Protein backbone atom coordinates (compact mmCIF):
# COMPACT_ATOMS: atom_id res chain seq x y z
CA MET A 1 -10.02 37.44 43.61
CA LYS A 2 -9.54 40.82 42.02
CA LEU A 3 -6.38 40.52 40.00
CA THR A 4 -3.80 43.31 40.02
CA ASP A 5 -0.54 43.72 38.13
CA ALA A 6 1.42 43.09 41.32
CA ALA A 7 -0.64 40.04 42.29
CA VAL A 8 -0.32 38.50 38.84
CA ASP A 9 3.43 38.98 38.86
CA LYS A 10 3.80 37.24 42.23
CA ILE A 11 1.82 34.09 41.41
CA LYS A 12 4.23 31.13 41.34
CA PRO A 13 3.79 27.81 39.53
CA THR A 14 2.89 24.69 41.51
CA ASP A 15 2.79 21.02 40.60
CA LYS A 16 -0.71 21.52 39.23
CA ARG A 17 -2.24 23.76 36.57
CA GLN A 18 -3.77 26.89 38.14
CA GLU A 19 -6.74 28.78 36.69
CA ILE A 20 -7.27 32.00 38.68
CA PRO A 21 -10.48 33.95 37.87
CA ASP A 22 -10.64 37.73 37.71
CA SER A 23 -13.56 39.04 39.78
CA LEU A 24 -13.61 42.32 37.87
CA THR A 25 -14.06 40.71 34.45
CA VAL A 26 -16.24 37.63 34.81
CA GLY A 27 -15.01 34.88 32.45
CA LEU A 28 -11.37 35.98 32.42
CA TYR A 29 -8.80 33.58 33.91
CA PHE A 30 -5.08 33.82 34.56
CA VAL A 31 -3.59 30.38 33.79
CA VAL A 32 -0.31 29.21 35.30
CA GLN A 33 1.21 25.92 34.08
CA PRO A 34 3.47 23.71 36.26
CA THR A 35 6.25 24.51 33.75
CA GLY A 36 6.01 28.19 34.71
CA ARG A 37 4.33 29.31 31.51
CA LYS A 38 1.58 31.89 32.13
CA GLY A 39 -1.25 33.21 29.98
CA TRP A 40 -4.80 34.49 29.69
CA GLN A 41 -8.01 32.67 28.86
CA VAL A 42 -11.63 33.75 28.55
CA ARG A 43 -14.64 31.50 28.91
CA TYR A 44 -18.01 32.20 27.32
CA ARG A 45 -21.07 30.35 26.14
CA THR A 46 -22.55 30.14 22.66
CA PRO A 47 -26.16 29.05 22.19
CA THR A 48 -24.96 25.43 22.05
CA VAL A 49 -21.59 24.98 23.79
CA GLN A 50 -19.24 26.34 26.43
CA ARG A 51 -16.06 27.76 24.92
CA ARG A 52 -12.54 28.56 26.06
CA MET A 53 -10.43 31.03 24.13
CA THR A 54 -6.75 31.77 24.62
CA LEU A 55 -6.06 35.50 24.69
CA GLY A 56 -2.25 35.49 24.81
CA ALA A 57 0.82 34.78 26.90
CA TYR A 58 1.90 36.73 29.99
CA PRO A 59 3.79 39.07 30.30
CA LEU A 60 3.47 39.77 26.54
CA ILE A 61 -0.21 40.49 27.25
CA GLY A 62 -0.69 42.43 30.48
CA LEU A 63 -3.72 42.52 32.76
CA LYS A 64 -5.27 45.62 31.23
CA GLU A 65 -5.09 44.32 27.65
CA ALA A 66 -6.30 40.88 28.75
CA ARG A 67 -9.43 42.46 30.26
CA THR A 68 -10.06 44.44 27.07
CA ARG A 69 -9.72 41.34 24.89
CA ALA A 70 -11.91 39.31 27.23
CA ARG A 71 -14.67 41.93 27.18
CA ASP A 72 -14.56 42.13 23.38
CA ALA A 73 -14.91 38.36 23.16
CA LEU A 74 -17.76 38.30 25.68
CA LEU A 75 -19.64 41.05 23.82
CA ALA A 76 -19.19 39.21 20.51
CA ALA A 77 -20.51 36.00 22.07
CA HIS A 78 -23.45 37.90 23.52
CA ASP A 79 -24.31 39.07 19.98
CA GLY A 80 -24.32 35.47 18.71
CA ALA A 81 -20.76 35.20 17.40
CA ASP A 82 -18.17 32.56 18.27
CA PRO A 83 -14.85 34.44 18.63
CA ALA A 84 -12.78 31.32 19.35
CA ALA A 85 -13.97 29.63 16.16
CA GLU A 86 -13.38 32.81 14.18
CA ALA A 87 -9.87 33.18 15.58
CA LYS A 88 -9.07 29.56 14.68
CA ALA A 89 -10.35 30.03 11.13
CA THR A 90 -8.27 33.19 10.73
CA LYS A 91 -5.17 31.41 12.00
CA GLU A 92 -5.68 28.48 9.62
CA LYS A 93 -6.21 30.82 6.69
CA ARG A 94 -3.02 32.71 7.55
CA ALA A 95 -1.09 29.43 7.80
CA ASP A 96 -2.56 28.29 4.50
CA LEU A 97 -1.42 31.50 2.83
CA ASN A 98 2.06 31.11 4.33
CA ASP A 99 2.30 27.56 2.91
CA ARG A 100 0.82 28.48 -0.44
CA ASP A 101 4.15 28.92 -2.17
CA LYS A 102 6.14 26.22 -0.38
CA VAL A 103 8.05 24.02 -2.80
CA SER A 104 6.61 20.84 -1.23
CA ARG A 105 3.06 22.03 -1.80
CA LEU A 106 3.75 23.18 -5.35
CA LEU A 107 5.40 19.86 -6.18
CA LYS A 108 2.22 18.04 -5.14
CA GLN A 109 0.17 20.35 -7.35
CA PHE A 110 2.62 19.86 -10.22
CA ARG A 111 2.23 16.11 -9.89
CA LYS A 112 -1.57 16.29 -9.77
CA ARG A 113 -2.14 18.89 -12.48
CA HIS A 114 0.67 18.12 -14.93
CA LEU A 115 2.59 14.91 -14.33
CA ALA A 116 -0.51 12.77 -13.75
CA GLY A 117 -1.41 13.16 -17.41
CA LEU A 118 1.99 12.02 -18.67
CA LYS A 119 3.13 8.45 -19.14
CA SER A 120 6.55 9.39 -17.78
CA GLY A 121 5.01 11.39 -14.93
CA ASP A 122 5.79 8.89 -12.17
CA GLU A 123 9.43 8.64 -13.24
CA ALA A 124 9.75 12.44 -13.36
CA TYR A 125 8.25 12.81 -9.90
CA ARG A 126 10.64 10.22 -8.47
CA PHE A 127 13.57 12.45 -9.45
CA LEU A 128 11.88 15.51 -7.90
CA GLU A 129 10.90 13.60 -4.77
CA ARG A 130 14.37 12.15 -4.32
CA PHE A 131 16.47 15.25 -4.91
CA VAL A 132 14.42 18.48 -4.99
CA LEU A 133 11.98 17.80 -2.16
CA PRO A 134 14.63 17.06 0.53
CA ALA A 135 16.70 20.09 -0.50
CA TRP A 136 13.98 22.71 -0.99
CA GLY A 137 10.71 21.23 0.31
CA ASP A 138 10.25 23.62 3.26
CA ARG A 139 11.33 26.72 1.34
CA ASP A 140 9.21 29.36 -0.36
CA ILE A 141 9.55 28.97 -4.12
CA HIS A 142 10.48 32.66 -4.42
CA THR A 143 13.64 32.10 -2.38
CA ILE A 144 15.02 29.52 -4.84
CA THR A 145 17.78 31.03 -6.95
CA LYS A 146 19.82 29.94 -9.93
CA ARG A 147 22.73 29.41 -7.54
CA ASP A 148 20.62 27.02 -5.44
CA LEU A 149 19.88 24.90 -8.50
CA ILE A 150 23.52 24.85 -9.60
CA ASP A 151 24.62 23.82 -6.08
CA LEU A 152 22.08 20.97 -6.09
CA LEU A 153 23.26 19.73 -9.48
CA ASP A 154 26.93 20.00 -8.48
CA GLU A 155 26.30 17.89 -5.38
CA ILE A 156 24.74 15.13 -7.49
CA ALA A 157 27.43 15.33 -10.17
CA ASP A 158 30.25 15.26 -7.60
CA SER A 159 28.94 11.90 -6.38
CA GLY A 160 29.60 10.49 -9.85
CA ARG A 161 25.98 10.56 -11.04
CA MET A 162 26.40 12.84 -14.03
CA THR A 163 23.46 11.49 -16.01
CA THR A 164 21.24 11.69 -12.93
CA ALA A 165 22.22 15.34 -12.50
CA ASN A 166 21.14 16.00 -16.10
CA ARG A 167 17.78 14.32 -15.46
CA VAL A 168 17.22 16.30 -12.27
CA LEU A 169 17.87 19.51 -14.19
CA ALA A 170 15.43 18.53 -16.94
CA HIS A 171 12.61 17.67 -14.54
CA THR A 172 13.28 20.65 -12.27
CA ARG A 173 13.28 22.97 -15.26
CA LYS A 174 9.84 21.68 -16.29
CA PHE A 175 8.56 22.17 -12.73
CA LEU A 176 9.85 25.73 -12.53
CA ASN A 177 8.50 26.57 -15.99
CA TRP A 178 5.12 25.24 -14.86
CA CYS A 179 5.31 27.62 -11.87
CA VAL A 180 5.90 30.47 -14.31
CA GLU A 181 2.89 29.40 -16.38
CA ARG A 182 0.76 29.35 -13.22
CA ASP A 183 1.95 32.88 -12.32
CA VAL A 184 3.63 31.59 -9.18
CA LEU A 185 7.00 32.81 -10.46
CA GLY A 186 7.85 35.71 -12.70
CA ALA A 187 10.85 33.92 -14.18
CA SER A 188 12.42 30.50 -13.85
CA PRO A 189 15.66 30.14 -11.83
CA ALA A 190 16.58 27.36 -14.29
CA ALA A 191 16.87 29.77 -17.21
CA GLY A 192 20.38 29.59 -18.64
CA VAL A 193 21.47 26.64 -16.48
CA LYS A 194 23.38 24.14 -18.60
CA PRO A 195 23.40 20.36 -18.07
CA PRO A 196 26.29 19.32 -15.79
CA ALA A 197 27.48 16.70 -18.26
CA LYS A 198 27.51 16.23 -22.00
CA GLU A 199 25.83 12.90 -22.62
CA LYS A 200 26.85 10.53 -25.34
CA ASN A 201 25.44 7.26 -26.51
CA ARG A 202 26.93 4.44 -24.50
CA ASP A 203 28.13 1.24 -26.10
CA ARG A 204 29.20 -0.59 -22.95
CA VAL A 205 28.69 -4.33 -23.16
CA LEU A 206 29.85 -6.78 -20.50
CA SER A 207 32.51 -9.23 -21.65
CA ASP A 208 32.26 -12.96 -21.05
CA ASP A 209 34.47 -12.71 -17.97
CA GLU A 210 32.49 -9.74 -16.69
CA ILE A 211 29.21 -11.65 -17.11
CA ARG A 212 30.64 -14.47 -15.00
CA TRP A 213 31.88 -12.09 -12.31
CA PHE A 214 28.62 -10.15 -12.47
CA TRP A 215 26.53 -13.28 -11.90
CA LYS A 216 28.62 -14.39 -8.92
CA ALA A 217 28.49 -10.84 -7.53
CA CYS A 218 24.70 -10.95 -7.72
CA ASP A 219 24.76 -14.18 -5.70
CA SER A 220 27.03 -12.47 -3.17
CA VAL A 221 24.92 -9.31 -2.84
CA GLY A 222 21.61 -11.17 -2.59
CA HIS A 223 18.08 -9.79 -2.46
CA PRO A 224 16.86 -7.47 -3.83
CA TRP A 225 19.69 -6.21 -6.06
CA GLY A 226 21.20 -9.55 -7.02
CA PRO A 227 18.05 -11.26 -8.35
CA MET A 228 16.81 -8.02 -9.94
CA ALA A 229 20.09 -7.53 -11.82
CA LYS A 230 20.05 -11.14 -13.00
CA LEU A 231 16.57 -10.64 -14.43
CA LEU A 232 17.75 -7.49 -16.21
CA LEU A 233 20.48 -9.50 -17.91
CA LEU A 234 18.37 -12.58 -18.70
CA THR A 235 15.30 -10.74 -20.05
CA GLY A 236 16.83 -7.59 -21.56
CA GLN A 237 13.95 -5.48 -20.25
CA ARG A 238 14.12 -1.91 -18.95
CA LEU A 239 15.17 -1.10 -15.40
CA ASN A 240 11.85 0.19 -14.07
CA GLU A 241 9.92 -2.59 -15.79
CA VAL A 242 11.95 -5.22 -13.94
CA ALA A 243 12.27 -3.31 -10.66
CA GLN A 244 8.48 -2.87 -10.42
CA MET A 245 7.61 -6.43 -11.42
CA THR A 246 4.68 -7.94 -9.50
CA ASP A 247 3.66 -11.56 -9.01
CA GLY A 248 0.33 -10.69 -10.62
CA GLU A 249 2.14 -10.05 -13.92
CA ILE A 250 3.62 -13.55 -13.99
CA ASN A 251 1.55 -16.34 -15.52
CA GLY A 252 3.50 -19.58 -15.62
CA ASP A 253 6.53 -19.02 -17.82
CA THR A 254 5.33 -15.68 -19.25
CA TRP A 255 5.67 -12.20 -17.77
CA HIS A 256 3.02 -9.79 -19.05
CA LEU A 257 3.62 -6.04 -19.07
CA SER A 258 0.48 -3.94 -19.59
CA THR A 259 0.46 -0.71 -21.59
CA ASP A 260 0.89 1.43 -18.48
CA ARG A 261 4.02 -0.49 -17.49
CA THR A 262 6.05 -0.05 -20.67
CA LYS A 263 7.95 3.00 -21.85
CA ASN A 264 6.35 3.02 -25.29
CA GLY A 265 2.81 2.24 -24.14
CA ARG A 266 2.71 -1.14 -25.94
CA ALA A 267 1.68 -4.22 -24.01
CA HIS A 268 4.49 -6.75 -23.96
CA ASP A 269 4.82 -10.45 -23.14
CA VAL A 270 8.26 -11.60 -21.99
CA PRO A 271 8.88 -15.36 -22.14
CA LEU A 272 10.70 -16.52 -19.01
CA SER A 273 13.55 -18.93 -19.63
CA ASP A 274 14.31 -21.73 -17.19
CA ALA A 275 17.12 -19.60 -15.76
CA ALA A 276 14.83 -16.59 -15.28
CA SER A 277 12.13 -18.74 -13.68
CA ALA A 278 14.72 -20.22 -11.35
CA VAL A 279 15.81 -16.74 -10.23
CA LEU A 280 12.20 -15.77 -9.50
CA SER A 281 11.42 -19.00 -7.63
CA ASP A 282 14.41 -18.50 -5.33
CA ILE A 283 13.20 -15.08 -4.14
CA GLU A 284 11.59 -15.14 -0.70
CA ARG A 285 8.56 -12.90 -1.11
CA ILE A 286 7.79 -10.01 1.23
CA LYS A 287 4.02 -9.70 1.39
CA GLY A 288 2.40 -6.48 0.30
CA ARG A 289 -0.79 -5.30 -1.34
CA ALA A 290 0.86 -4.63 -4.72
CA GLY A 291 2.74 -7.95 -4.77
CA TYR A 292 6.13 -6.49 -5.72
CA VAL A 293 8.79 -9.10 -6.38
CA PHE A 294 11.74 -6.80 -5.70
CA THR A 295 10.93 -5.01 -2.45
CA THR A 296 12.31 -4.65 1.05
CA THR A 297 9.11 -3.31 2.63
CA GLY A 298 6.26 -4.95 0.75
CA ASP A 299 4.72 -1.52 0.21
CA SER A 300 6.94 -0.18 -2.58
CA ALA A 301 9.31 -1.45 -5.23
CA VAL A 302 13.07 -1.12 -4.74
CA GLN A 303 14.65 2.30 -5.17
CA GLY A 304 18.16 3.68 -4.88
CA PHE A 305 19.49 2.02 -8.05
CA HIS A 306 22.78 3.91 -7.83
CA LYS A 307 23.63 2.26 -4.51
CA GLY A 308 22.39 -1.12 -5.69
CA ARG A 309 24.63 -1.04 -8.76
CA ALA A 310 27.56 0.06 -6.60
CA HIS A 311 27.12 -2.97 -4.31
CA ILE A 312 27.23 -5.35 -7.27
CA ALA A 313 30.16 -3.54 -8.91
CA GLY A 314 32.15 -3.70 -5.69
CA ALA A 315 31.50 -7.42 -5.33
CA MET A 316 32.48 -7.92 -8.99
CA GLU A 317 35.88 -6.36 -8.41
CA ALA A 318 36.53 -8.56 -5.39
CA ILE A 319 35.49 -11.72 -7.28
CA ALA A 320 37.56 -10.74 -10.33
CA LYS A 321 40.64 -10.23 -8.14
CA GLU A 322 40.17 -13.63 -6.52
CA ASP A 323 39.57 -15.23 -9.93
CA THR A 324 42.65 -13.74 -11.62
CA GLY A 325 44.95 -13.34 -8.66
CA GLN A 326 45.35 -9.60 -9.26
CA ALA A 327 43.30 -6.40 -9.18
CA VAL A 328 41.11 -6.00 -12.27
CA ASP A 329 40.05 -2.61 -13.58
CA ILE A 330 36.42 -3.18 -14.59
CA PRO A 331 35.10 -0.25 -16.68
CA HIS A 332 32.01 1.45 -15.30
CA TRP A 333 28.73 -0.15 -16.29
CA GLY A 334 25.12 0.72 -15.58
CA PHE A 335 21.93 -1.29 -15.33
CA HIS A 336 20.93 -0.19 -18.84
CA ASP A 337 24.15 -1.77 -20.15
CA LEU A 338 22.72 -5.16 -19.14
CA ARG A 339 19.93 -4.61 -21.69
CA ARG A 340 22.54 -3.79 -24.34
CA THR A 341 24.57 -6.84 -23.31
CA ALA A 342 21.49 -9.05 -23.79
CA ALA A 343 20.82 -7.55 -27.23
CA THR A 344 24.47 -8.01 -28.24
CA GLY A 345 24.44 -11.57 -26.94
CA MET A 346 21.38 -12.42 -29.05
CA ALA A 347 23.09 -10.93 -32.10
CA ARG A 348 26.11 -13.09 -31.28
CA LEU A 349 23.82 -16.11 -31.39
CA GLY A 350 22.57 -15.14 -34.86
CA ILE A 351 19.09 -14.16 -33.72
CA PRO A 352 17.42 -11.91 -36.35
CA VAL A 353 17.33 -8.22 -35.46
CA ARG A 354 13.55 -8.10 -35.76
CA VAL A 355 13.21 -10.83 -33.14
CA THR A 356 15.66 -9.07 -30.82
CA GLU A 357 13.66 -5.87 -31.16
CA ALA A 358 10.51 -7.81 -30.34
CA VAL A 359 12.22 -9.17 -27.21
CA LEU A 360 13.26 -5.64 -26.20
CA ASN A 361 9.84 -4.19 -27.14
CA HIS A 362 11.47 -1.67 -29.46
CA VAL A 363 9.35 0.29 -31.94
CA SER A 364 12.28 1.96 -33.68
CA GLY A 365 14.62 0.56 -36.27
CA THR A 366 13.14 -2.38 -38.21
CA ALA A 367 10.02 -2.20 -36.00
CA GLY A 368 9.31 1.42 -36.87
CA GLY A 369 7.35 3.09 -39.64
CA ILE A 370 4.93 1.11 -41.74
CA VAL A 371 6.06 -2.19 -40.20
CA SER A 372 4.89 -1.16 -36.72
CA VAL A 373 1.47 -0.24 -38.12
CA TYR A 374 0.71 -3.26 -40.27
CA GLN A 375 2.87 -6.01 -38.78
CA ARG A 376 0.90 -7.48 -35.86
CA HIS A 377 2.82 -10.73 -35.46
CA ASP A 378 4.07 -10.76 -31.86
CA TYR A 379 6.92 -13.21 -32.45
CA ALA A 380 5.96 -15.13 -29.31
CA ASP A 381 7.69 -18.37 -30.32
CA GLU A 382 10.72 -16.58 -31.73
CA LYS A 383 11.07 -14.46 -28.56
CA ARG A 384 10.96 -17.57 -26.41
CA ASP A 385 13.60 -19.32 -28.50
CA ALA A 386 15.80 -16.22 -28.42
CA LEU A 387 15.60 -15.73 -24.65
CA ASP A 388 16.07 -19.45 -24.02
CA ALA A 389 19.22 -19.43 -26.17
CA TRP A 390 20.55 -16.26 -24.53
CA SER A 391 19.91 -17.60 -21.02
CA ARG A 392 21.68 -20.86 -21.85
CA LEU A 393 24.67 -18.86 -23.06
CA VAL A 394 24.72 -16.80 -19.85
CA ILE A 395 24.65 -19.93 -17.67
CA ASP A 396 27.34 -21.56 -19.82
CA LEU A 397 29.50 -18.46 -19.42
CA VAL A 398 28.97 -18.49 -15.66
CA GLU A 399 29.83 -22.18 -15.43
CA GLY A 400 32.77 -21.94 -17.85
CA ARG A 401 31.27 -24.04 -20.65
CA ALA A 402 30.84 -21.43 -23.40
CA GLU A 403 34.02 -21.89 -25.38
CA ASN A 404 32.25 -22.30 -28.71
CA VAL A 405 29.04 -20.37 -29.32
CA ILE A 406 26.76 -21.89 -31.95
CA ARG A 407 24.51 -19.44 -33.76
CA ILE A 408 20.81 -20.18 -33.36
CA SER A 409 20.26 -19.47 -37.07
CA GLU A 410 22.33 -22.54 -37.92
CA GLY A 411 19.56 -24.67 -36.44
CA ALA A 412 21.97 -26.54 -34.17
CA GLU A 413 21.60 -27.19 -30.48
CA ARG A 414 24.53 -26.52 -28.18
């Protein structure tokens, strides 16, 4: 039929898709969907395939303009071009340009081009992925202001995670400075932003009662936080090292950490005491390619440490109240304080500082300087004795038997 403006306007949708050809411009079709949506389409043939090309929606594109666009496309096809393919390529290029400065895309580039070469790169990206990506991921980097960054940090700080807010600022500042270096930004929105909290060295160590309540709270909370926290206390290792433990790293009663798994880049063997081995053997494994011990999916290691610590702390308070018959104000502690508690406990047992540093895989203090270069003794036997003694003390505290602590240096067995 020969389409007219009046005829096109009167065509009503049916329960089937309608494709009405225009007799005046061969190849042009007026398409009416069952939903009522209407538009224009032209059909043409390239040397190899039959093509359909959308020209636009009706009534935004009227009959006259649709015929003009259809004829242009048909002429281009006659000359050997493929207008549909060219239009698609133009659209994709425009979309690519629109996404070029999205924060989500730039974060991926930052990870690939900068963080991938840093030992702490994965940890830095986890902060950006957890806090910056959800807040700004879909935004153009040029719309991010200093006020946006301050609001993000305030939200984190108001939830009680002051140190986390400081870390987010540090990593976000590096990301924004990288954008300046790449000429994405003229200036960083992080310039002049101060850390939300003034950090100070912590000296929090769990008391004997707190260790007992902590252990029972871990039993109450269960997998994954309970067993993971127990391992932190028994081994004295760093949070991410324990949280990302895999079965492949465990060989009998020794846990091996390769250079890429330790903070200082030094391979480290951690003897597993009977208590630590018992914790690991009680964990029902969730199968996954990486073999993570502490996982809820099998695909990734546990995350959300703030919530995990809060679960254990809440259970500790309830257990302490039941144990004492009254509410107990337990000072705030963090997972890193378990490492300090282990170190303090070994000192309490009379274990030499050098051995404790070997257990903790420290390269500062007595392990620093010339000693770290020329002293290659790994203290394997001494580390095992130290962790065995510390684990026995923990279990004695939990079971109420640690009234008199005998120092390991005295050569006596408890």
